[in-house]
Amino acid sequence: HMAMTAKRRNKLRQLAEEIPVPEVFGDAEGDTLLIGWGSTFGPIHDAVKLARERGEKIAAIHLRHLHPLPNGLEKIFAQFNRVVVVEMNDQGVYGFGQLATILRARYCEPKIESVTKTDGLTYRVREILEAVFNRSFSRNGQSGNGASTKTTAVPSTATATARAEAQVSTARDHAGDSTPQRPETYEAVLPSKDQGSTA
């Protein structure tokens, strides 16, 4: 059994060496690196384009292989001040999505942050940017109060987690308000005997 598990482990290590390192989209180095996988590809790339138009030093990579992870990711991470994983799943007990949790464990890198959601809807570009930079973004380059969107403020992981929890709480409240109430009896939704068909 030990020999077989060692053989499989070595195969995974060899595979990790053969998997190509993801291409960096955007700045080769800078303030923020976005990481995505699966359906977040398009929204993340559009978010990078818009943020760079606003003067942000930002880039993105898209992972296609998660087990094993390709070798060399740590060299990309080292070029950025923040690494933010944007993914479509729950933030879990510890405030990080599944991929962010794997990356933090694999690379022991505390600057890896997490943006998550579970409402079943595709990420919007502005939704990603506002979660990452903790401020409003619009196509005309103005924030919600009319000021320029350029800022150097960087939210902490705790701030991002608290904001996400507040959004989840609000979403649950809205869902509760709009959920149809179940009738007390089936007679409430069925026609009475006196209202039968006259045909």
C-alpha atoms as a PDB file:
ATOM      1  CA  HIS A   1       0.000   0.000   0.000  1.00  0.00           C
ATOM      2  CA  MET A   2       2.807   2.435   0.841  1.00  0.00           C
ATOM      3  CA  ALA A   3       4.514   1.693  -2.461  1.00  0.00           C
ATOM      4  CA  MET A   4       1.314   2.315  -4.441  1.00  0.00           C
ATOM      5  CA  THR A   5       0.528   5.613  -2.712  1.00  0.00           C
ATOM      6  CA  ALA A   6       4.119   6.761  -3.273  1.00  0.00           C
ATOM      7  CA  LYS A   7       3.817   5.817  -6.949  1.00  0.00           C
ATOM      8  CA  ARG A   8       0.617   7.835  -7.327  1.00  0.00           C
ATOM      9  CA  ARG A   9       2.149  10.786  -5.490  1.00  0.00           C
ATOM     10  CA  ASN A  10       5.140  10.799  -7.829  1.00  0.00           C
ATOM     11  CA  LYS A  11       2.835  10.690 -10.847  1.00  0.00           C
ATOM     12  CA  LEU A  12       1.038  13.794  -9.579  1.00  0.00           C
ATOM     13  CA  ARG A  13       4.352  15.564  -9.034  1.00  0.00           C
ATOM     14  CA  GLN A  14       5.431  14.760 -12.581  1.00  0.00           C
ATOM     15  CA  LEU A  15       2.082  15.935 -13.906  1.00  0.00           C
ATOM     16  CA  ALA A  16       2.422  19.243 -12.041  1.00  0.00           C
ATOM     17  CA  GLU A  17       5.689  19.837 -13.890  1.00  0.00           C
ATOM     18  CA  GLU A  18       4.019  19.219 -17.257  1.00  0.00           C
ATOM     19  CA  ILE A  19       0.972  21.444 -16.707  1.00  0.00           C
ATOM     20  CA  PRO A  20       1.617  24.884 -18.240  1.00  0.00           C
ATOM     21  CA  VAL A  21       1.682  27.888 -15.931  1.00  0.00           C
ATOM     22  CA  PRO A  22      -1.404  30.078 -16.530  1.00  0.00           C
ATOM     23  CA  GLU A  23      -0.868  33.157 -18.662  1.00  0.00           C
ATOM     24  CA  VAL A  24      -1.050  36.456 -16.793  1.00  0.00           C
ATOM     25  CA  PHE A  25      -3.701  38.740 -18.264  1.00  0.00           C
ATOM     26  CA  GLY A  26      -2.964  42.399 -17.537  1.00  0.00           C
ATOM     27  CA  ASP A  27       0.011  43.846 -15.679  1.00  0.00           C
ATOM     28  CA  ALA A  28       2.961  41.527 -15.064  1.00  0.00           C
ATOM     29  CA  GLU A  29       3.271  42.995 -11.574  1.00  0.00           C
ATOM     30  CA  GLY A  30       1.258  45.386  -9.478  1.00  0.00           C
ATOM     31  CA  ASP A  31      -1.222  45.760  -6.656  1.00  0.00           C
ATOM     32  CA  THR A  32      -3.873  43.097  -7.272  1.00  0.00           C
ATOM     33  CA  LEU A  33      -3.967  39.674  -8.903  1.00  0.00           C
ATOM     34  CA  LEU A  34      -7.368  38.083  -9.491  1.00  0.00           C
ATOM     35  CA  ILE A  35      -7.613  34.299  -9.694  1.00  0.00           C
ATOM     36  CA  GLY A  36     -10.534  32.473 -11.216  1.00  0.00           C
ATOM     37  CA  TRP A  37     -11.572  29.060 -12.431  1.00  0.00           C
ATOM     38  CA  GLY A  38     -14.582  27.811 -14.348  1.00  0.00           C
ATOM     39  CA  SER A  39     -17.352  30.266 -15.207  1.00  0.00           C
ATOM     40  CA  THR A  40     -15.621  33.338 -13.748  1.00  0.00           C
ATOM     41  CA  PHE A  41     -13.251  33.638 -16.738  1.00  0.00           C
ATOM     42  CA  GLY A  42     -15.176  36.261 -18.728  1.00  0.00           C
ATOM     43  CA  PRO A  43     -16.273  38.564 -15.885  1.00  0.00           C
ATOM     44  CA  ILE A  44     -12.795  38.554 -14.327  1.00  0.00           C
ATOM     45  CA  HIS A  45     -11.076  39.475 -17.596  1.00  0.00           C
ATOM     46  CA  ASP A  46     -13.575  42.271 -18.239  1.00  0.00           C
ATOM     47  CA  ALA A  47     -13.056  43.485 -14.665  1.00  0.00           C
ATOM     48  CA  VAL A  48      -9.300  43.658 -15.241  1.00  0.00           C
ATOM     49  CA  LYS A  49      -9.808  45.658 -18.439  1.00  0.00           C
ATOM     50  CA  LEU A  50     -12.079  48.175 -16.723  1.00  0.00           C
ATOM     51  CA  ALA A  51      -9.863  48.515 -13.646  1.00  0.00           C
ATOM     52  CA  ARG A  52      -6.780  49.127 -15.784  1.00  0.00           C
ATOM     53  CA  GLU A  53      -8.675  51.848 -17.627  1.00  0.00           C
ATOM     54  CA  ARG A  54      -9.189  53.438 -14.199  1.00  0.00           C
ATOM     55  CA  GLY A  55      -5.452  53.331 -13.506  1.00  0.00           C
ATOM     56  CA  GLU A  56      -5.285  50.213 -11.335  1.00  0.00           C
ATOM     57  CA  LYS A  57      -2.250  47.919 -11.494  1.00  0.00           C
ATOM     58  CA  ILE A  58      -4.162  44.672 -11.763  1.00  0.00           C
ATOM     59  CA  ALA A  59      -3.979  41.330 -13.537  1.00  0.00           C
ATOM     60  CA  ALA A  60      -5.666  37.937 -13.593  1.00  0.00           C
ATOM     61  CA  ILE A  61      -4.901  34.277 -14.114  1.00  0.00           C
ATOM     62  CA  HIS A  62      -7.377  31.497 -14.833  1.00  0.00           C
ATOM     63  CA  LEU A  63      -6.675  28.051 -13.414  1.00  0.00           C
ATOM     64  CA  ARG A  64      -7.671  25.033 -15.484  1.00  0.00           C
ATOM     65  CA  HIS A  65      -5.968  22.380 -13.359  1.00  0.00           C
ATOM     66  CA  LEU A  66      -6.608  22.226  -9.620  1.00  0.00           C
ATOM     67  CA  HIS A  67      -5.144  18.836  -8.681  1.00  0.00           C
ATOM     68  CA  PRO A  68      -2.328  18.986  -9.044  1.00  0.00           C
ATOM     69  CA  LEU A  69      -1.805  22.716  -9.284  1.00  0.00           C
ATOM     70  CA  PRO A  70       0.762  23.795 -11.875  1.00  0.00           C
ATOM     71  CA  ASN A  71       4.243  24.578 -10.603  1.00  0.00           C
ATOM     72  CA  GLY A  72       5.318  28.213 -10.603  1.00  0.00           C
ATOM     73  CA  LEU A  73       2.206  29.921  -9.236  1.00  0.00           C
ATOM     74  CA  GLU A  74       4.156  31.232  -6.253  1.00  0.00           C
ATOM     75  CA  LYS A  75       6.392  33.219  -8.621  1.00  0.00           C
ATOM     76  CA  ILE A  76       3.331  34.964 -10.039  1.00  0.00           C
ATOM     77  CA  PHE A  77       1.898  35.639  -6.577  1.00  0.00           C
ATOM     78  CA  ALA A  78       5.175  37.270  -5.534  1.00  0.00           C
ATOM     79  CA  GLN A  79       4.684  40.025  -8.128  1.00  0.00           C
ATOM     80  CA  PHE A  80       1.504  41.372  -6.499  1.00  0.00           C
ATOM     81  CA  ASN A  81       0.564  42.903  -3.162  1.00  0.00           C
ATOM     82  CA  ARG A  82      -2.811  41.172  -3.047  1.00  0.00           C
ATOM     83  CA  VAL A  83      -4.101  37.903  -4.472  1.00  0.00           C
ATOM     84  CA  VAL A  84      -7.896  37.726  -4.641  1.00  0.00           C
ATOM     85  CA  VAL A  85      -9.674  34.503  -5.590  1.00  0.00           C
ATOM     86  CA  VAL A  86     -13.086  35.105  -7.184  1.00  0.00           C
ATOM     87  CA  GLU A  87     -15.234  31.992  -7.046  1.00  0.00           C
ATOM     88  CA  MET A  88     -18.805  30.777  -7.107  1.00  0.00           C
ATOM     89  CA  ASN A  89     -19.128  28.994  -3.782  1.00  0.00           C
ATOM     90  CA  ASP A  90     -19.576  29.622  -0.088  1.00  0.00           C
ATOM     91  CA  GLN A  91     -16.986  31.377   2.056  1.00  0.00           C
ATOM     92  CA  GLY A  92     -17.183  28.562   4.580  1.00  0.00           C
ATOM     93  CA  VAL A  93     -16.505  28.638   8.297  1.00  0.00           C
ATOM     94  CA  TYR A  94     -13.162  30.414   7.949  1.00  0.00           C
ATOM     95  CA  GLY A  95     -14.182  33.132   5.487  1.00  0.00           C
ATOM     96  CA  PHE A  96     -12.586  31.744   2.323  1.00  0.00           C
ATOM     97  CA  GLY A  97     -13.912  29.957  -0.752  1.00  0.00           C
ATOM     98  CA  GLN A  98     -12.797  26.434  -1.578  1.00  0.00           C
ATOM     99  CA  LEU A  99     -10.060  27.372  -4.052  1.00  0.00           C
ATOM    100  CA  ALA A 100      -8.764  30.189  -1.851  1.00  0.00           C
ATOM    101  CA  THR A 101      -8.556  27.736   1.049  1.00  0.00           C
ATOM    102  CA  ILE A 102      -6.545  25.292  -1.071  1.00  0.00           C
ATOM    103  CA  LEU A 103      -4.160  28.009  -2.274  1.00  0.00           C
ATOM    104  CA  ARG A 104      -3.623  29.409   1.230  1.00  0.00           C
ATOM    105  CA  ALA A 105      -2.843  25.908   2.506  1.00  0.00           C
ATOM    106  CA  ARG A 106      -0.586  25.037  -0.430  1.00  0.00           C
ATOM    107  CA  TYR A 107       1.484  28.229  -0.451  1.00  0.00           C
ATOM    108  CA  CYS A 108       1.103  29.413   3.175  1.00  0.00           C
ATOM    109  CA  GLU A 109       0.401  32.856   1.739  1.00  0.00           C
ATOM    110  CA  PRO A 110      -1.675  35.154   3.988  1.00  0.00           C
ATOM    111  CA  LYS A 111      -2.164  37.765   1.261  1.00  0.00           C
ATOM    112  CA  ILE A 112      -4.538  35.414  -0.573  1.00  0.00           C
ATOM    113  CA  GLU A 113      -8.072  36.767  -0.096  1.00  0.00           C
ATOM    114  CA  SER A 114     -11.477  35.528  -1.169  1.00  0.00           C
ATOM    115  CA  VAL A 115     -14.546  36.905  -2.940  1.00  0.00           C
ATOM    116  CA  THR A 116     -17.455  34.468  -3.034  1.00  0.00           C
ATOM    117  CA  LYS A 117     -21.162  34.284  -3.716  1.00  0.00           C
ATOM    118  CA  THR A 118     -23.786  31.553  -3.903  1.00  0.00           C
ATOM    119  CA  ASP A 119     -26.852  33.237  -5.394  1.00  0.00           C
ATOM    120  CA  GLY A 120     -26.632  31.163  -8.581  1.00  0.00           C
ATOM    121  CA  LEU A 121     -26.143  34.224 -10.805  1.00  0.00           C
ATOM    122  CA  THR A 122     -23.110  34.924 -12.986  1.00  0.00           C
ATOM    123  CA  TYR A 123     -20.657  37.456 -11.603  1.00  0.00           C
ATOM    124  CA  ARG A 124     -21.037  40.975 -12.949  1.00  0.00           C
ATOM    125  CA  VAL A 125     -17.935  43.040 -13.692  1.00  0.00           C
ATOM    126  CA  ARG A 126     -18.891  45.839 -11.320  1.00  0.00           C
ATOM    127  CA  GLU A 127     -19.765  43.296  -8.645  1.00  0.00           C
ATOM    128  CA  ILE A 128     -16.230  41.894  -8.758  1.00  0.00           C
ATOM    129  CA  LEU A 129     -14.526  45.284  -8.710  1.00  0.00           C
ATOM    130  CA  GLU A 130     -16.634  46.651  -5.873  1.00  0.00           C
ATOM    131  CA  ALA A 131     -15.953  43.537  -3.789  1.00  0.00           C
ATOM    132  CA  VAL A 132     -12.216  43.677  -4.506  1.00  0.00           C
ATOM    133  CA  PHE A 133     -11.679  47.412  -4.003  1.00  0.00           C
ATOM    134  CA  ASN A 134     -14.497  48.122  -1.520  1.00  0.00           C
ATOM    135  CA  ARG A 135     -15.799  51.075  -3.526  1.00  0.00           C
ATOM    136  CA  SER A 136     -18.214  51.699  -6.359  1.00  0.00           C
ATOM    137  CA  PHE A 137     -17.248  51.351 -10.002  1.00  0.00           C
ATOM    138  CA  SER A 138     -19.096  52.623 -13.050  1.00  0.00           C
ATOM    139  CA  ARG A 139     -18.425  52.730 -16.772  1.00  0.00           C
ATOM    140  CA  ASN A 140     -17.931  56.509 -16.718  1.00  0.00           C
ATOM    141  CA  GLY A 141     -15.157  56.295 -14.133  1.00  0.00           C
ATOM    142  CA  GLN A 142     -17.125  57.990 -11.366  1.00  0.00           C
ATOM    143  CA  SER A 143     -18.006  56.568  -7.981  1.00  0.00           C
ATOM    144  CA  GLY A 144     -21.454  56.729  -6.466  1.00  0.00           C
ATOM    145  CA  ASN A 145     -20.816  60.154  -4.909  1.00  0.00           C
ATOM    146  CA  GLY A 146     -19.441  61.647  -8.140  1.00  0.00           C
ATOM    147  CA  ALA A 147     -15.784  61.484  -7.080  1.00  0.00           C
ATOM    148  CA  SER A 148     -13.046  59.774  -9.040  1.00  0.00           C
ATOM    149  CA  THR A 149     -12.831  56.039  -8.400  1.00  0.00           C
ATOM    150  CA  LYS A 150      -9.031  56.097  -8.108  1.00  0.00           C
ATOM    151  CA  THR A 151      -7.940  55.326  -4.560  1.00  0.00           C
ATOM    152  CA  THR A 152      -5.197  53.485  -2.733  1.00  0.00           C
ATOM    153  CA  ALA A 153      -7.414  52.151   0.041  1.00  0.00           C
ATOM    154  CA  VAL A 154      -7.179  48.382   0.404  1.00  0.00           C
ATOM    155  CA  PRO A 155      -9.764  46.520   2.510  1.00  0.00           C
ATOM    156  CA  SER A 156      -8.544  43.932   4.970  1.00  0.00           C
ATOM    157  CA  THR A 157      -9.668  40.328   4.792  1.00  0.00           C
ATOM    158  CA  ALA A 158     -11.747  40.882   7.930  1.00  0.00           C
ATOM    159  CA  THR A 159     -13.505  43.836   6.280  1.00  0.00           C
ATOM    160  CA  ALA A 160     -14.208  41.828   3.140  1.00  0.00           C
ATOM    161  CA  THR A 161     -15.544  38.937   5.207  1.00  0.00           C
ATOM    162  CA  ALA A 162     -17.828  41.208   7.247  1.00  0.00           C
ATOM    163  CA  ARG A 163     -19.127  42.813   4.060  1.00  0.00           C
ATOM    164  CA  ALA A 164     -19.829  39.406   2.523  1.00  0.00           C
ATOM    165  CA  GLU A 165     -21.689  38.276   5.645  1.00  0.00           C
ATOM    166  CA  ALA A 166     -23.827  41.419   5.531  1.00  0.00           C
ATOM    167  CA  GLN A 167     -24.640  40.796   1.864  1.00  0.00           C
ATOM    168  CA  VAL A 168     -25.633  37.213   2.610  1.00  0.00           C
ATOM    169  CA  SER A 169     -27.856  38.358   5.476  1.00  0.00           C
ATOM    170  CA  THR A 170     -29.544  40.946   3.257  1.00  0.00           C
ATOM    171  CA  ALA A 171     -30.071  38.400   0.484  1.00  0.00           C
ATOM    172  CA  ARG A 172     -31.676  35.991   2.933  1.00  0.00           C
ATOM    173  CA  ASP A 173     -33.994  38.714   4.205  1.00  0.00           C
ATOM    174  CA  HIS A 174     -35.072  39.540   0.667  1.00  0.00           C
ATOM    175  CA  ALA A 175     -35.594  35.888  -0.148  1.00  0.00           C
ATOM    176  CA  GLY A 176     -37.742  35.506   2.948  1.00  0.00           C
ATOM    177  CA  ASP A 177     -39.845  38.524   2.008  1.00  0.00           C
ATOM    178  CA  SER A 178     -40.482  37.327  -1.541  1.00  0.00           C
ATOM    179  CA  THR A 179     -41.070  33.650  -0.827  1.00  0.00           C
ATOM    180  CA  PRO A 180     -44.734  32.766  -1.497  1.00  0.00           C
ATOM    181  CA  GLN A 181     -46.581  31.632   1.583  1.00  0.00           C
ATOM    182  CA  ARG A 182     -47.907  28.089   1.505  1.00  0.00           C
ATOM    183  CA  PRO A 183     -51.709  28.007   1.883  1.00  0.00           C
ATOM    184  CA  GLU A 184     -52.976  26.488   5.093  1.00  0.00           C
ATOM    185  CA  THR A 185     -55.135  24.002   3.177  1.00  0.00           C
ATOM    186  CA  TYR A 186     -55.268  22.733  -0.369  1.00  0.00           C
ATOM    187  CA  GLU A 187     -58.801  24.107  -0.610  1.00  0.00           C
ATOM    188  CA  ALA A 188     -57.259  27.576  -0.712  1.00  0.00           C
ATOM    189  CA  VAL A 189     -55.830  26.902  -4.176  1.00  0.00           C
ATOM    190  CA  LEU A 190     -58.367  24.414  -5.537  1.00  0.00           C
ATOM    191  CA  PRO A 191     -61.837  25.327  -6.865  1.00  0.00           C
ATOM    192  CA  SER A 192     -64.720  24.483  -4.576  1.00  0.00           C
ATOM    193  CA  LYS A 193     -67.288  21.870  -5.502  1.00  0.00           C
ATOM    194  CA  ASP A 194     -69.757  24.643  -6.335  1.00  0.00           C
ATOM    195  CA  GLN A 195     -67.263  26.114  -8.828  1.00  0.00           C
ATOM    196  CA  GLY A 196     -67.039  22.997 -10.968  1.00  0.00           C
ATOM    197  CA  SER A 197     -67.000  23.119 -14.746  1.00  0.00           C
ATOM    198  CA  THR A 198     -70.316  23.983 -16.408  1.00  0.00           C
ATOM    199  CA  ALA A 199     -69.312  22.366 -19.704  1.00  0.00           C
END
